[in-house]
Amino acid sequence: RSLTGFHEYSVSKLCNILHAGELARRNPAIEVAAVHPGVVAT
């Protein structure tokens, strides 16, 4: 919906962190981490 797509990108990154947390809770034998790498020119 947004003109730049940045709002939706932010939501997707929220989902990445939620996913990491729930993946860790459901799979205790697997180490899971989410990381912000910085603001990178890519």
Full PDB file with SEQRES, HELIX, SHEET, SSBOND, CRYST1, ORIGX, SCALE, CONECT and MASTER records, all heavy atoms in Angstrom:
SEQRES   1 A   42  ARG SER LEU THR GLY PHE HIS GLU TYR SER VAL SER LYS          
SEQRES   2 A   42  LEU CYS ASN ILE LEU HIS ALA GLY GLU LEU ALA ARG ARG          
SEQRES   3 A   42  ASN PRO ALA ILE GLU VAL ALA ALA VAL HIS PRO GLY VAL          
SEQRES   4 A   42  VAL ALA THR                                                  
HELIX    1 AA1 PHE A    6  ARG A   26  1                                  21    
CRYST1    1.000    1.000    1.000  90.00  90.00  90.00 P 1           1          
ORIGX1      1.000000  0.000000  0.000000        0.00000                         
ORIGX2      0.000000  1.000000  0.000000        0.00000                         
ORIGX3      0.000000  0.000000  1.000000        0.00000                         
SCALE1      1.000000  0.000000  0.000000        0.00000                         
SCALE2      0.000000  1.000000  0.000000        0.00000                         
SCALE3      0.000000  0.000000  1.000000        0.00000                         
ATOM      1  N   ARG A   1       0.807  -1.217   0.000  1.00  0.00           N  
ATOM      2  CA  ARG A   1       0.000   0.000   0.000  1.00  0.00           C  
ATOM      3  C   ARG A   1       0.848   1.278   0.000  1.00  0.00           C  
ATOM      4  O   ARG A   1       0.500   2.269  -0.652  1.00  0.00           O  
ATOM      5  CB  ARG A   1      -0.915   0.003   1.232  1.00  0.00           C  
ATOM      6  CG  ARG A   1      -2.164  -0.882   1.081  1.00  0.00           C  
ATOM      7  CD  ARG A   1      -3.182  -0.207   0.156  1.00  0.00           C  
ATOM      8  NE  ARG A   1      -4.442  -0.944   0.093  1.00  0.00           N  
ATOM      9  CZ  ARG A   1      -5.439  -0.770   0.937  1.00  0.00           C  
ATOM     10  NH1 ARG A   1      -5.333   0.075   1.945  1.00  0.00           N  
ATOM     11  NH2 ARG A   1      -6.553  -1.461   0.789  1.00  0.00           N  
ATOM     12  N   SER A   2       1.940   1.311   0.782  1.00  0.00           N  
ATOM     13  CA  SER A   2       2.704   2.547   0.915  1.00  0.00           C  
ATOM     14  C   SER A   2       3.450   2.866  -0.379  1.00  0.00           C  
ATOM     15  O   SER A   2       3.737   1.980  -1.195  1.00  0.00           O  
ATOM     16  CB  SER A   2       3.703   2.441   2.074  1.00  0.00           C  
ATOM     17  OG  SER A   2       4.769   1.573   1.740  1.00  0.00           O  
ATOM     18  N   LEU A   3       3.785   4.135  -0.576  1.00  0.00           N  
ATOM     19  CA  LEU A   3       4.430   4.564  -1.810  1.00  0.00           C  
ATOM     20  C   LEU A   3       5.848   4.040  -1.944  1.00  0.00           C  
ATOM     21  O   LEU A   3       6.316   3.736  -3.044  1.00  0.00           O  
ATOM     22  CB  LEU A   3       4.435   6.099  -1.884  1.00  0.00           C  
ATOM     23  CG  LEU A   3       3.069   6.759  -2.100  1.00  0.00           C  
ATOM     24  CD1 LEU A   3       3.215   8.278  -2.067  1.00  0.00           C  
ATOM     25  CD2 LEU A   3       2.458   6.320  -3.428  1.00  0.00           C  
ATOM     26  N   THR A   4       6.576   3.920  -0.819  1.00  0.00           N  
ATOM     27  CA  THR A   4       7.972   3.486  -0.860  1.00  0.00           C  
ATOM     28  C   THR A   4       8.147   2.008  -0.538  1.00  0.00           C  
ATOM     29  O   THR A   4       9.169   1.408  -0.884  1.00  0.00           O  
ATOM     30  CB  THR A   4       8.813   4.290   0.137  1.00  0.00           C  
ATOM     31  OG1 THR A   4       8.328   4.028   1.473  1.00  0.00           O  
ATOM     32  CG2 THR A   4       8.720   5.780  -0.143  1.00  0.00           C  
ATOM     33  N   GLY A   5       7.176   1.428   0.147  1.00  0.00           N  
ATOM     34  CA  GLY A   5       7.319   0.050   0.595  1.00  0.00           C  
ATOM     35  C   GLY A   5       8.086  -0.081   1.890  1.00  0.00           C  
ATOM     36  O   GLY A   5       8.247  -1.191   2.411  1.00  0.00           O  
ATOM     37  N   PHE A   6       8.552   1.048   2.459  1.00  0.00           N  
ATOM     38  CA  PHE A   6       9.363   0.951   3.681  1.00  0.00           C  
ATOM     39  C   PHE A   6       8.527   0.490   4.865  1.00  0.00           C  
ATOM     40  O   PHE A   6       9.017  -0.261   5.720  1.00  0.00           O  
ATOM     41  CB  PHE A   6      10.037   2.287   4.007  1.00  0.00           C  
ATOM     42  CG  PHE A   6      10.927   2.202   5.232  1.00  0.00           C  
ATOM     43  CD1 PHE A   6      12.170   1.601   5.155  1.00  0.00           C  
ATOM     44  CD2 PHE A   6      10.505   2.704   6.456  1.00  0.00           C  
ATOM     45  CE1 PHE A   6      12.985   1.492   6.278  1.00  0.00           C  
ATOM     46  CE2 PHE A   6      11.299   2.602   7.583  1.00  0.00           C  
ATOM     47  CZ  PHE A   6      12.550   1.987   7.488  1.00  0.00           C  
ATOM     48  N   HIS A   7       7.263   0.932   4.947  1.00  0.00           N  
ATOM     49  CA  HIS A   7       6.419   0.481   6.057  1.00  0.00           C  
ATOM     50  C   HIS A   7       6.282  -1.038   6.023  1.00  0.00           C  
ATOM     51  O   HIS A   7       6.425  -1.714   7.057  1.00  0.00           O  
ATOM     52  CB  HIS A   7       5.037   1.126   5.974  1.00  0.00           C  
ATOM     53  CG  HIS A   7       4.041   0.505   6.910  1.00  0.00           C  
ATOM     54  ND1 HIS A   7       4.083   0.693   8.275  1.00  0.00           N  
ATOM     55  CD2 HIS A   7       3.003  -0.349   6.674  1.00  0.00           C  
ATOM     56  CE1 HIS A   7       3.107  -0.002   8.835  1.00  0.00           C  
ATOM     57  NE2 HIS A   7       2.443  -0.633   7.888  1.00  0.00           N  
ATOM     58  N   GLU A   8       6.023  -1.590   4.865  1.00  0.00           N  
ATOM     59  CA  GLU A   8       5.858  -3.037   4.736  1.00  0.00           C  
ATOM     60  C   GLU A   8       7.177  -3.761   5.013  1.00  0.00           C  
ATOM     61  O   GLU A   8       7.179  -4.858   5.586  1.00  0.00           O  
ATOM     62  CB  GLU A   8       5.333  -3.380   3.345  1.00  0.00           C  
ATOM     63  CG  GLU A   8       3.875  -2.984   3.116  1.00  0.00           C  
ATOM     64  CD  GLU A   8       3.675  -1.505   2.772  1.00  0.00           C  
ATOM     65  OE1 GLU A   8       4.677  -0.766   2.687  1.00  0.00           O  
ATOM     66  OE2 GLU A   8       2.522  -1.107   2.590  1.00  0.00           O  
ATOM     67  N   TYR A   9       8.283  -3.148   4.606  1.00  0.00           N  
ATOM     68  CA  TYR A   9       9.601  -3.727   4.915  1.00  0.00           C  
ATOM     69  C   TYR A   9       9.793  -3.792   6.425  1.00  0.00           C  
ATOM     70  O   TYR A   9      10.256  -4.817   6.960  1.00  0.00           O  
ATOM     71  CB  TYR A   9      10.699  -2.877   4.268  1.00  0.00           C  
ATOM     72  CG  TYR A   9      12.097  -3.283   4.674  1.00  0.00           C  
ATOM     73  CD1 TYR A   9      12.712  -4.388   4.092  1.00  0.00           C  
ATOM     74  CD2 TYR A   9      12.811  -2.553   5.624  1.00  0.00           C  
ATOM     75  CE1 TYR A   9      13.993  -4.765   4.452  1.00  0.00           C  
ATOM     76  CE2 TYR A   9      14.091  -2.923   5.998  1.00  0.00           C  
ATOM     77  CZ  TYR A   9      14.675  -4.035   5.403  1.00  0.00           C  
ATOM     78  OH  TYR A   9      15.955  -4.404   5.783  1.00  0.00           O  
ATOM     79  N   SER A  10       9.424  -2.724   7.144  1.00  0.00           N  
ATOM     80  CA  SER A  10       9.552  -2.701   8.598  1.00  0.00           C  
ATOM     81  C   SER A  10       8.719  -3.807   9.241  1.00  0.00           C  
ATOM     82  O   SER A  10       9.164  -4.476  10.180  1.00  0.00           O  
ATOM     83  CB  SER A  10       9.118  -1.333   9.148  1.00  0.00           C  
ATOM     84  OG  SER A  10       9.918  -0.300   8.619  1.00  0.00           O  
ATOM     85  N   VAL A  11       7.517  -4.011   8.717  1.00  0.00           N  
ATOM     86  CA  VAL A  11       6.657  -5.084   9.229  1.00  0.00           C  
ATOM     87  C   VAL A  11       7.302  -6.449   8.980  1.00  0.00           C  
ATOM     88  O   VAL A  11       7.271  -7.326   9.847  1.00  0.00           O  
ATOM     89  CB  VAL A  11       5.261  -5.013   8.580  1.00  0.00           C  
ATOM     90  CG1 VAL A  11       4.445  -6.264   8.896  1.00  0.00           C  
ATOM     91  CG2 VAL A  11       4.526  -3.763   9.042  1.00  0.00           C  
ATOM     92  N   SER A  12       7.905  -6.624   7.817  1.00  0.00           N  
ATOM     93  CA  SER A  12       8.543  -7.909   7.511  1.00  0.00           C  
ATOM     94  C   SER A  12       9.715  -8.179   8.444  1.00  0.00           C  
ATOM     95  O   SER A  12       9.971  -9.329   8.832  1.00  0.00           O  
ATOM     96  CB  SER A  12       9.006  -7.960   6.046  1.00  0.00           C  
ATOM     97  OG  SER A  12      10.180  -7.189   5.830  1.00  0.00           O  
ATOM     98  N   LYS A  13      10.429  -7.124   8.829  1.00  0.00           N  
ATOM     99  CA  LYS A  13      11.551  -7.290   9.757  1.00  0.00           C  
ATOM    100  C   LYS A  13      11.053  -7.556  11.177  1.00  0.00           C  
ATOM    101  O   LYS A  13      11.694  -8.300  11.936  1.00  0.00           O  
ATOM    102  CB  LYS A  13      12.449  -6.063   9.711  1.00  0.00           C  
ATOM    103  CG  LYS A  13      13.143  -5.840   8.367  1.00  0.00           C  
ATOM    104  CD  LYS A  13      14.220  -6.883   8.112  1.00  0.00           C  
ATOM    105  CE  LYS A  13      13.935  -7.856   7.034  1.00  0.00           C  
ATOM    106  NZ  LYS A  13      15.040  -8.802   6.783  1.00  0.00           N  
ATOM    107  N   LEU A  14       9.912  -6.978  11.540  1.00  0.00           N  
ATOM    108  CA  LEU A  14       9.244  -7.350  12.793  1.00  0.00           C  
ATOM    109  C   LEU A  14       8.945  -8.845  12.777  1.00  0.00           C  
ATOM    110  O   LEU A  14       9.188  -9.556  13.767  1.00  0.00           O  
ATOM    111  CB  LEU A  14       7.958  -6.541  12.952  1.00  0.00           C  
ATOM    112  CG  LEU A  14       6.954  -7.028  14.004  1.00  0.00           C  
ATOM    113  CD1 LEU A  14       7.510  -6.842  15.409  1.00  0.00           C  
ATOM    114  CD2 LEU A  14       5.618  -6.295  13.852  1.00  0.00           C  
ATOM    115  N   CYS A  15       8.431  -9.326  11.655  1.00  0.00           N  
ATOM    116  CA  CYS A  15       8.096 -10.746  11.540  1.00  0.00           C  
ATOM    117  C   CYS A  15       9.336 -11.630  11.636  1.00  0.00           C  
ATOM    118  O   CYS A  15       9.272 -12.735  12.192  1.00  0.00           O  
ATOM    119  CB  CYS A  15       7.365 -11.005  10.224  1.00  0.00           C  
ATOM    120  SG  CYS A  15       5.714 -10.267  10.148  1.00  0.00           S  
ATOM    121  N   ASN A  16      10.463 -11.163  11.105  1.00  0.00           N  
ATOM    122  CA  ASN A  16      11.699 -11.927  11.229  1.00  0.00           C  
ATOM    123  C   ASN A  16      12.061 -12.165  12.694  1.00  0.00           C  
ATOM    124  O   ASN A  16      12.469 -13.271  13.084  1.00  0.00           O  
ATOM    125  CB  ASN A  16      12.861 -11.199  10.560  1.00  0.00           C  
ATOM    126  CG  ASN A  16      12.846 -11.248   9.053  1.00  0.00           C  
ATOM    127  OD1 ASN A  16      13.464 -10.418   8.392  1.00  0.00           O  
ATOM    128  ND2 ASN A  16      12.160 -12.221   8.473  1.00  0.00           N  
ATOM    129  N   ILE A  17      11.911 -11.135  13.521  1.00  0.00           N  
ATOM    130  CA  ILE A  17      12.268 -11.255  14.939  1.00  0.00           C  
ATOM    131  C   ILE A  17      11.255 -12.126  15.676  1.00  0.00           C  
ATOM    132  O   ILE A  17      11.624 -12.973  16.507  1.00  0.00           O  
ATOM    133  CB  ILE A  17      12.387  -9.860  15.577  1.00  0.00           C  
ATOM    134  CG1 ILE A  17      13.494  -9.058  14.872  1.00  0.00           C  
ATOM    135  CG2 ILE A  17      12.692  -9.966  17.070  1.00  0.00           C  
ATOM    136  CD1 ILE A  17      13.558  -7.602  15.276  1.00  0.00           C  
ATOM    137  N   LEU A  18       9.979 -11.949  15.371  1.00  0.00           N  
ATOM    138  CA  LEU A  18       8.953 -12.811  15.961  1.00  0.00           C  
ATOM    139  C   LEU A  18       9.192 -14.271  15.573  1.00  0.00           C  
ATOM    140  O   LEU A  18       9.066 -15.180  16.407  1.00  0.00           O  
ATOM    141  CB  LEU A  18       7.569 -12.373  15.482  1.00  0.00           C  
ATOM    142  CG  LEU A  18       7.046 -11.038  16.023  1.00  0.00           C  
ATOM    143  CD1 LEU A  18       5.821 -10.590  15.226  1.00  0.00           C  
ATOM    144  CD2 LEU A  18       6.705 -11.140  17.512  1.00  0.00           C  
ATOM    145  N   HIS A  19       9.552 -14.497  14.331  1.00  0.00           N  
ATOM    146  CA  HIS A  19       9.833 -15.853  13.842  1.00  0.00           C  
ATOM    147  C   HIS A  19      11.013 -16.453  14.594  1.00  0.00           C  
ATOM    148  O   HIS A  19      10.954 -17.623  15.033  1.00  0.00           O  
ATOM    149  CB  HIS A  19      10.119 -15.806  12.337  1.00  0.00           C  
ATOM    150  CG  HIS A  19      10.462 -17.132  11.742  1.00  0.00           C  
ATOM    151  ND1 HIS A  19      11.261 -17.247  10.624  1.00  0.00           N  
ATOM    152  CD2 HIS A  19      10.131 -18.405  12.094  1.00  0.00           C  
ATOM    153  CE1 HIS A  19      11.398 -18.520  10.308  1.00  0.00           C  
ATOM    154  NE2 HIS A  19      10.726 -19.247  11.182  1.00  0.00           N  
ATOM    155  N   ALA A  20      12.076 -15.682  14.769  1.00  0.00           N  
ATOM    156  CA  ALA A  20      13.257 -16.189  15.478  1.00  0.00           C  
ATOM    157  C   ALA A  20      12.911 -16.602  16.897  1.00  0.00           C  
ATOM    158  O   ALA A  20      13.326 -17.672  17.374  1.00  0.00           O  
ATOM    159  CB  ALA A  20      14.357 -15.129  15.479  1.00  0.00           C  
ATOM    160  N   GLY A  21      12.137 -15.782  17.585  1.00  0.00           N  
ATOM    161  CA  GLY A  21      11.763 -16.093  18.953  1.00  0.00           C  
ATOM    162  C   GLY A  21      10.917 -17.350  19.054  1.00  0.00           C  
ATOM    163  O   GLY A  21      11.153 -18.215  19.917  1.00  0.00           O  
ATOM    164  N   GLU A  22       9.945 -17.473  18.162  1.00  0.00           N  
ATOM    165  CA  GLU A  22       9.051 -18.632  18.211  1.00  0.00           C  
ATOM    166  C   GLU A  22       9.772 -19.899  17.746  1.00  0.00           C  
ATOM    167  O   GLU A  22       9.533 -20.996  18.282  1.00  0.00           O  
ATOM    168  CB  GLU A  22       7.809 -18.378  17.367  1.00  0.00           C  
ATOM    169  CG  GLU A  22       6.700 -19.399  17.536  1.00  0.00           C  
ATOM    170  CD  GLU A  22       6.062 -19.388  18.920  1.00  0.00           C  
ATOM    171  OE1 GLU A  22       6.349 -18.475  19.730  1.00  0.00           O  
ATOM    172  OE2 GLU A  22       5.281 -20.316  19.193  1.00  0.00           O  
ATOM    173  N   LEU A  23      10.651 -19.771  16.772  1.00  0.00           N  
ATOM    174  CA  LEU A  23      11.440 -20.915  16.315  1.00  0.00           C  
ATOM    175  C   LEU A  23      12.285 -21.460  17.456  1.00  0.00           C  
ATOM    176  O   LEU A  23      12.386 -22.680  17.643  1.00  0.00           O  
ATOM    177  CB  LEU A  23      12.337 -20.489  15.146  1.00  0.00           C  
ATOM    178  CG  LEU A  23      13.238 -21.564  14.526  1.00  0.00           C  
ATOM    179  CD1 LEU A  23      12.400 -22.668  13.885  1.00  0.00           C  
ATOM    180  CD2 LEU A  23      14.181 -20.943  13.496  1.00  0.00           C  
ATOM    181  N   ALA A  24      12.870 -20.568  18.250  1.00  0.00           N  
ATOM    182  CA  ALA A  24      13.682 -20.986  19.398  1.00  0.00           C  
ATOM    183  C   ALA A  24      12.821 -21.685  20.444  1.00  0.00           C  
ATOM    184  O   ALA A  24      13.230 -22.709  21.021  1.00  0.00           O  
ATOM    185  CB  ALA A  24      14.383 -19.776  20.001  1.00  0.00           C  
ATOM    186  N   ARG A  25      11.628 -21.151  20.700  1.00  0.00           N  
ATOM    187  CA  ARG A  25      10.756 -21.759  21.707  1.00  0.00           C  
ATOM    188  C   ARG A  25      10.285 -23.146  21.292  1.00  0.00           C  
ATOM    189  O   ARG A  25      10.170 -24.055  22.118  1.00  0.00           O  
ATOM    190  CB  ARG A  25       9.545 -20.851  21.975  1.00  0.00           C  
ATOM    191  CG  ARG A  25       9.857 -19.654  22.858  1.00  0.00           C  
ATOM    192  CD  ARG A  25       8.613 -18.872  23.218  1.00  0.00           C  
ATOM    193  NE  ARG A  25       8.115 -18.078  22.108  1.00  0.00           N  
ATOM    194  CZ  ARG A  25       8.510 -16.836  21.839  1.00  0.00           C  
ATOM    195  NH1 ARG A  25       9.435 -16.253  22.595  1.00  0.00           N  
ATOM    196  NH2 ARG A  25       7.998 -16.164  20.831  1.00  0.00           N  
ATOM    197  N   ARG A  26      10.013 -23.334  20.019  1.00  0.00           N  
ATOM    198  CA  ARG A  26       9.472 -24.606  19.539  1.00  0.00           C  
ATOM    199  C   ARG A  26      10.550 -25.645  19.244  1.00  0.00           C  
ATOM    200  O   ARG A  26      10.244 -26.830  19.121  1.00  0.00           O  
ATOM    201  CB  ARG A  26       8.621 -24.373  18.281  1.00  0.00           C  
ATOM    202  CG  ARG A  26       7.344 -23.591  18.556  1.00  0.00           C  
ATOM    203  CD  ARG A  26       6.560 -23.342  17.285  1.00  0.00           C  
ATOM    204  NE  ARG A  26       5.382 -22.526  17.548  1.00  0.00           N  
ATOM    205  CZ  ARG A  26       4.120 -22.908  17.321  1.00  0.00           C  
ATOM    206  NH1 ARG A  26       3.878 -24.115  16.831  1.00  0.00           N  
ATOM    207  NH2 ARG A  26       3.108 -22.095  17.575  1.00  0.00           N  
ATOM    208  N   ASN A  27      11.797 -25.192  19.113  1.00  0.00           N  
ATOM    209  CA  ASN A  27      12.884 -26.107  18.751  1.00  0.00           C  
ATOM    210  C   ASN A  27      14.097 -25.859  19.657  1.00  0.00           C  
ATOM    211  O   ASN A  27      15.097 -25.279  19.229  1.00  0.00           O  
ATOM    212  CB  ASN A  27      13.276 -25.906  17.280  1.00  0.00           C  
ATOM    213  CG  ASN A  27      12.145 -26.200  16.326  1.00  0.00           C  
ATOM    214  OD1 ASN A  27      11.929 -27.343  15.933  1.00  0.00           O  
ATOM    215  ND2 ASN A  27      11.403 -25.161  15.949  1.00  0.00           N  
ATOM    216  N   PRO A  28      14.019 -26.319  20.902  1.00  0.00           N  
ATOM    217  CA  PRO A  28      15.086 -26.026  21.865  1.00  0.00           C  
ATOM    218  C   PRO A  28      16.446 -26.613  21.502  1.00  0.00           C  
ATOM    219  O   PRO A  28      17.471 -26.169  22.036  1.00  0.00           O  
ATOM    220  CB  PRO A  28      14.556 -26.623  23.176  1.00  0.00           C  
ATOM    221  CG  PRO A  28      13.491 -27.593  22.770  1.00  0.00           C  
ATOM    222  CD  PRO A  28      12.893 -27.040  21.521  1.00  0.00           C  
ATOM    223  N   ALA A  29      16.490 -27.582  20.601  1.00  0.00           N  
ATOM    224  CA  ALA A  29      17.769 -28.174  20.216  1.00  0.00           C  
ATOM    225  C   ALA A  29      18.507 -27.331  19.176  1.00  0.00           C  
ATOM    226  O   ALA A  29      19.661 -27.622  18.844  1.00  0.00           O  
ATOM    227  CB  ALA A  29      17.552 -29.585  19.669  1.00  0.00           C  
ATOM    228  N   ILE A  30      17.858 -26.292  18.658  1.00  0.00           N  
ATOM    229  CA  ILE A  30      18.467 -25.427  17.645  1.00  0.00           C  
ATOM    230  C   ILE A  30      18.715 -24.048  18.239  1.00  0.00           C  
ATOM    231  O   ILE A  30      17.815 -23.449  18.837  1.00  0.00           O  
ATOM    232  CB  ILE A  30      17.551 -25.310  16.409  1.00  0.00           C  
ATOM    233  CG1 ILE A  30      17.314 -26.686  15.784  1.00  0.00           C  
ATOM    234  CG2 ILE A  30      18.158 -24.357  15.374  1.00  0.00           C  
ATOM    235  CD1 ILE A  30      16.325 -26.670  14.627  1.00  0.00           C  
ATOM    236  N   GLU A  31      19.921 -23.536  18.086  1.00  0.00           N  
ATOM    237  CA  GLU A  31      20.215 -22.163  18.503  1.00  0.00           C  
ATOM    238  C   GLU A  31      19.730 -21.211  17.410  1.00  0.00           C  
ATOM    239  O   GLU A  31      20.031 -21.410  16.230  1.00  0.00           O  
ATOM    240  CB  GLU A  31      21.712 -21.967  18.733  1.00  0.00           C  
ATOM    241  CG  GLU A  31      22.244 -22.677  19.965  1.00  0.00           C  
ATOM    242  CD  GLU A  31      23.714 -22.399  20.203  1.00  0.00           C  
ATOM    243  OE1 GLU A  31      24.406 -21.955  19.262  1.00  0.00           O  
ATOM    244  OE2 GLU A  31      24.171 -22.645  21.329  1.00  0.00           O  
ATOM    245  N   VAL A  32      19.003 -20.181  17.818  1.00  0.00           N  
ATOM    246  CA  VAL A  32      18.424 -19.232  16.866  1.00  0.00           C  
ATOM    247  C   VAL A  32      18.762 -17.814  17.312  1.00  0.00           C  
ATOM    248  O   VAL A  32      18.657 -17.484  18.498  1.00  0.00           O  
ATOM    249  CB  VAL A  32      16.891 -19.382  16.784  1.00  0.00           C  
ATOM    250  CG1 VAL A  32      16.325 -18.477  15.681  1.00  0.00           C  
ATOM    251  CG2 VAL A  32      16.481 -20.828  16.558  1.00  0.00           C  
ATOM    252  N   ALA A  33      19.157 -16.981  16.369  1.00  0.00           N  
ATOM    253  CA  ALA A  33      19.416 -15.578  16.679  1.00  0.00           C  
ATOM    254  C   ALA A  33      18.974 -14.714  15.510  1.00  0.00           C  
ATOM    255  O   ALA A  33      19.071 -15.122  14.346  1.00  0.00           O  
ATOM    256  CB  ALA A  33      20.900 -15.333  16.968  1.00  0.00           C  
ATOM    257  N   ALA A  34      18.479 -13.518  15.827  1.00  0.00           N  
ATOM    258  CA  ALA A  34      18.168 -12.512  14.810  1.00  0.00           C  
ATOM    259  C   ALA A  34      19.151 -11.371  14.987  1.00  0.00           C  
ATOM    260  O   ALA A  34      19.524 -11.033  16.121  1.00  0.00           O  
ATOM    261  CB  ALA A  34      16.738 -12.013  14.963  1.00  0.00           C  
ATOM    262  N   VAL A  35      19.567 -10.754  13.882  1.00  0.00           N  
ATOM    263  CA  VAL A  35      20.586  -9.711  13.975  1.00  0.00           C  
ATOM    264  C   VAL A  35      20.301  -8.562  13.014  1.00  0.00           C  
ATOM    265  O   VAL A  35      19.935  -8.777  11.856  1.00  0.00           O  
ATOM    266  CB  VAL A  35      21.999 -10.301  13.717  1.00  0.00           C  
ATOM    267  CG1 VAL A  35      22.073 -10.992  12.356  1.00  0.00           C  
ATOM    268  CG2 VAL A  35      23.079  -9.226  13.836  1.00  0.00           C  
ATOM    269  N   HIS A  36      20.459  -7.353  13.534  1.00  0.00           N  
ATOM    270  CA  HIS A  36      20.461  -6.145  12.698  1.00  0.00           C  
ATOM    271  C   HIS A  36      21.905  -5.887  12.296  1.00  0.00           C  
ATOM    272  O   HIS A  36      22.757  -5.649  13.158  1.00  0.00           O  
ATOM    273  CB  HIS A  36      19.908  -4.965  13.496  1.00  0.00           C  
ATOM    274  CG  HIS A  36      20.173  -3.629  12.869  1.00  0.00           C  
ATOM    275  ND1 HIS A  36      19.702  -3.291  11.622  1.00  0.00           N  
ATOM    276  CD2 HIS A  36      20.872  -2.544  13.319  1.00  0.00           C  
ATOM    277  CE1 HIS A  36      20.083  -2.054  11.329  1.00  0.00           C  
ATOM    278  NE2 HIS A  36      20.801  -1.585  12.335  1.00  0.00           N  
ATOM    279  N   PRO A  37      22.229  -5.939  11.002  1.00  0.00           N  
ATOM    280  CA  PRO A  37      23.622  -5.805  10.568  1.00  0.00           C  
ATOM    281  C   PRO A  37      24.123  -4.367  10.480  1.00  0.00           C  
ATOM    282  O   PRO A  37      25.291  -4.135  10.184  1.00  0.00           O  
ATOM    283  CB  PRO A  37      23.605  -6.452   9.187  1.00  0.00           C  
ATOM    284  CG  PRO A  37      22.228  -6.151   8.671  1.00  0.00           C  
ATOM    285  CD  PRO A  37      21.318  -6.212   9.876  1.00  0.00           C  
ATOM    286  N   GLY A  38      23.240  -3.406  10.720  1.00  0.00           N  
ATOM    287  CA  GLY A  38      23.556  -2.010  10.485  1.00  0.00           C  
ATOM    288  C   GLY A  38      22.848  -1.542   9.229  1.00  0.00           C  
ATOM    289  O   GLY A  38      22.201  -2.327   8.526  1.00  0.00           O  
ATOM    290  N   VAL A  39      22.956  -0.275   8.945  1.00  0.00           N  
ATOM    291  CA  VAL A  39      22.359   0.269   7.725  1.00  0.00           C  
ATOM    292  C   VAL A  39      23.423   0.193   6.635  1.00  0.00           C  
ATOM    293  O   VAL A  39      24.440   0.887   6.683  1.00  0.00           O  
ATOM    294  CB  VAL A  39      21.884   1.724   7.931  1.00  0.00           C  
ATOM    295  CG1 VAL A  39      21.223   2.254   6.663  1.00  0.00           C  
ATOM    296  CG2 VAL A  39      20.912   1.799   9.107  1.00  0.00           C  
ATOM    297  N   VAL A  40      23.194  -0.672   5.666  1.00  0.00           N  
ATOM    298  CA  VAL A  40      24.236  -1.088   4.728  1.00  0.00           C  
ATOM    299  C   VAL A  40      23.866  -0.693   3.304  1.00  0.00           C  
ATOM    300  O   VAL A  40      22.704  -0.816   2.888  1.00  0.00           O  
ATOM    301  CB  VAL A  40      24.456  -2.617   4.819  1.00  0.00           C  
ATOM    302  CG1 VAL A  40      25.583  -3.055   3.900  1.00  0.00           C  
ATOM    303  CG2 VAL A  40      24.735  -3.027   6.264  1.00  0.00           C  
ATOM    304  N   ALA A  41      24.852  -0.254   2.557  1.00  0.00           N  
ATOM    305  CA  ALA A  41      24.660   0.111   1.146  1.00  0.00           C  
ATOM    306  C   ALA A  41      24.637  -1.164   0.310  1.00  0.00           C  
ATOM    307  O   ALA A  41      25.676  -1.702  -0.063  1.00  0.00           O  
ATOM    308  CB  ALA A  41      25.769   1.044   0.681  1.00  0.00           C  
ATOM    309  N   THR A  42      23.435  -1.664   0.031  1.00  0.00           N  
ATOM    310  CA  THR A  42      23.279  -2.883  -0.757  1.00  0.00           C  
ATOM    311  C   THR A  42      22.230  -2.668  -1.838  1.00  0.00           C  
ATOM    312  O   THR A  42      21.615  -1.603  -1.935  1.00  0.00           O  
ATOM    313  CB  THR A  42      22.823  -4.064   0.132  1.00  0.00           C  
ATOM    314  OG1 THR A  42      21.469  -3.825   0.558  1.00  0.00           O  
ATOM    315  CG2 THR A  42      23.722  -4.230   1.345  1.00  0.00           C  
TER     316      THR A  42                                                      
MASTER        0    0    0    1    0    0    0    6  315    1    0    4          
END                                                                             
